[in-house]
C-alpha atoms as a PDB file:
ATOM      1  CA  MET A   1     230.613   0.626  17.991  1.00  0.00           C
ATOM      2  CA  ILE A   2     234.047  -0.233  19.335  1.00  0.00           C
ATOM      3  CA  LYS A   3     235.039  -3.882  18.956  1.00  0.00           C
ATOM      4  CA  GLU A   4     238.007  -6.150  19.730  1.00  0.00           C
ATOM      5  CA  TYR A   5     241.291  -5.157  18.059  1.00  0.00           C
ATOM      6  CA  ASP A   6     240.144  -1.600  17.317  1.00  0.00           C
ATOM      7  CA  VAL A   7     242.749   1.094  17.890  1.00  0.00           C
ATOM      8  CA  VAL A   8     241.637   3.757  20.342  1.00  0.00           C
ATOM      9  CA  LYS A   9     243.044   6.715  22.247  1.00  0.00           C
ATOM     10  CA  SER A  10     242.288   7.845  25.766  1.00  0.00           C
ATOM     11  CA  THR A  11     240.138  10.964  26.050  1.00  0.00           C
ATOM     12  CA  LYS A  12     241.560  11.814  29.497  1.00  0.00           C
ATOM     13  CA  ALA A  13     244.307  10.737  31.860  1.00  0.00           C
ATOM     14  CA  LEU A  14     243.384   7.267  33.132  1.00  0.00           C
ATOM     15  CA  SER A  15     246.362   6.540  35.401  1.00  0.00           C
ATOM     16  CA  ASP A  16     249.869   7.794  36.115  1.00  0.00           C
ATOM     17  CA  ALA A  17     251.079   5.892  33.031  1.00  0.00           C
ATOM     18  CA  ILE A  18     248.152   6.681  30.710  1.00  0.00           C
ATOM     19  CA  ALA A  19     247.799  10.333  29.731  1.00  0.00           C
ATOM     20  CA  ALA A  20     245.099  11.848  27.555  1.00  0.00           C
ATOM     21  CA  GLY A  21     245.742  10.906  23.920  1.00  0.00           C
ATOM     22  CA  CYS A  22     247.568   7.660  24.709  1.00  0.00           C
ATOM     23  CA  LYS A  23     246.935   4.998  22.038  1.00  0.00           C
ATOM     24  CA  GLY A  24     245.928   1.416  22.666  1.00  0.00           C
ATOM     25  CA  ALA A  25     244.184  -1.645  21.303  1.00  0.00           C
ATOM     26  CA  VAL A  26     240.956  -3.145  22.579  1.00  0.00           C
ATOM     27  CA  VAL A  27     241.673  -6.715  23.702  1.00  0.00           C
ATOM     28  CA  MET A  28     238.253  -7.561  25.175  1.00  0.00           C
ATOM     29  CA  VAL A  29     234.748  -6.102  25.147  1.00  0.00           C
ATOM     30  CA  HIS A  30     232.528  -6.498  28.222  1.00  0.00           C
ATOM     31  CA  THR A  31     228.757  -6.177  27.862  1.00  0.00           C
ATOM     32  CA  GLU A  32     227.524  -7.071  31.365  1.00  0.00           C
ATOM     33  CA  PRO A  33     226.683  -5.443  33.710  1.00  0.00           C
ATOM     34  CA  THR A  34     227.616  -2.449  31.525  1.00  0.00           C
ATOM     35  CA  ILE A  35     229.697  -1.833  28.401  1.00  0.00           C
ATOM     36  CA  GLY A  36     233.409  -1.702  29.140  1.00  0.00           C
ATOM     37  CA  TYR A  37     236.660  -2.453  27.355  1.00  0.00           C
ATOM     38  CA  GLU A  38     239.994  -4.003  28.277  1.00  0.00           C
ATOM     39  CA  VAL A  39     242.554  -1.846  26.491  1.00  0.00           C
ATOM     40  CA  GLU A  40     246.299  -2.425  26.181  1.00  0.00           C
ATOM     41  CA  PHE A  41     247.854   1.037  26.051  1.00  0.00           C
ATOM     42  CA  VAL A  42     251.286   1.417  24.434  1.00  0.00           C
ATOM     43  CA  ASP A  43     253.989   4.056  24.081  1.00  0.00           C
ATOM     44  CA  ASP A  44     255.352   5.402  20.777  1.00  0.00           C
ATOM     45  CA  ASN A  45     257.674   2.373  20.504  1.00  0.00           C
ATOM     46  CA  GLY A  46     254.817  -0.123  20.905  1.00  0.00           C
ATOM     47  CA  GLU A  47     255.836  -1.099  24.436  1.00  0.00           C
ATOM     48  CA  THR A  48     252.962  -1.870  26.792  1.00  0.00           C
ATOM     49  CA  LEU A  49     252.326   0.822  29.388  1.00  0.00           C
ATOM     50  CA  ASP A  50     249.296  -0.729  31.083  1.00  0.00           C
ATOM     51  CA  VAL A  51     246.166  -2.794  30.496  1.00  0.00           C
ATOM     52  CA  LEU A  52     243.067  -1.135  31.916  1.00  0.00           C
ATOM     53  CA  THR A  53     239.324  -1.638  32.003  1.00  0.00           C
ATOM     54  CA  VAL A  54     237.764   1.534  30.594  1.00  0.00           C
ATOM     55  CA  TYR A  55     234.309   2.804  29.670  1.00  0.00           C
ATOM     56  CA  PRO A  56     232.960   4.389  26.464  1.00  0.00           C
ATOM     57  CA  ASP A  57     233.591   7.964  27.668  1.00  0.00           C
ATOM     58  CA  ASP A  58     237.245   7.123  28.435  1.00  0.00           C
ATOM     59  CA  ILE A  59     238.277   6.276  24.859  1.00  0.00           C
ATOM     60  CA  GLN A  60     237.795   7.358  21.248  1.00  0.00           C
ATOM     61  CA  LEU A  61     237.963   5.116  18.172  1.00  0.00           C
ATOM     62  CA  LEU A  62     240.901   5.881  15.824  1.00  0.00           C
ATOM     63  CA  ASN A  63     240.482   3.398  12.957  1.00  0.00           C
END
C-alpha cells in the first residue's frame, strides 16, 4: 500500500508537465470517497513541476 512520503512514478502522462515516468513524493493520502493521493512531482533537479491528485492506477511505488 502506498503511504505518505513514498516515492512514486507516474504510469502515464497526467498533465502537460507530468509525463509517464515522472517521479514524485506522496504528500497526502485520501481514503474517502475513494483512495487517491496528492503527489508532488519533480524534475531531475528536484524542482517541483506540479502537485496533482492521482489515483492508484496513475502511479507506481518506487521505494
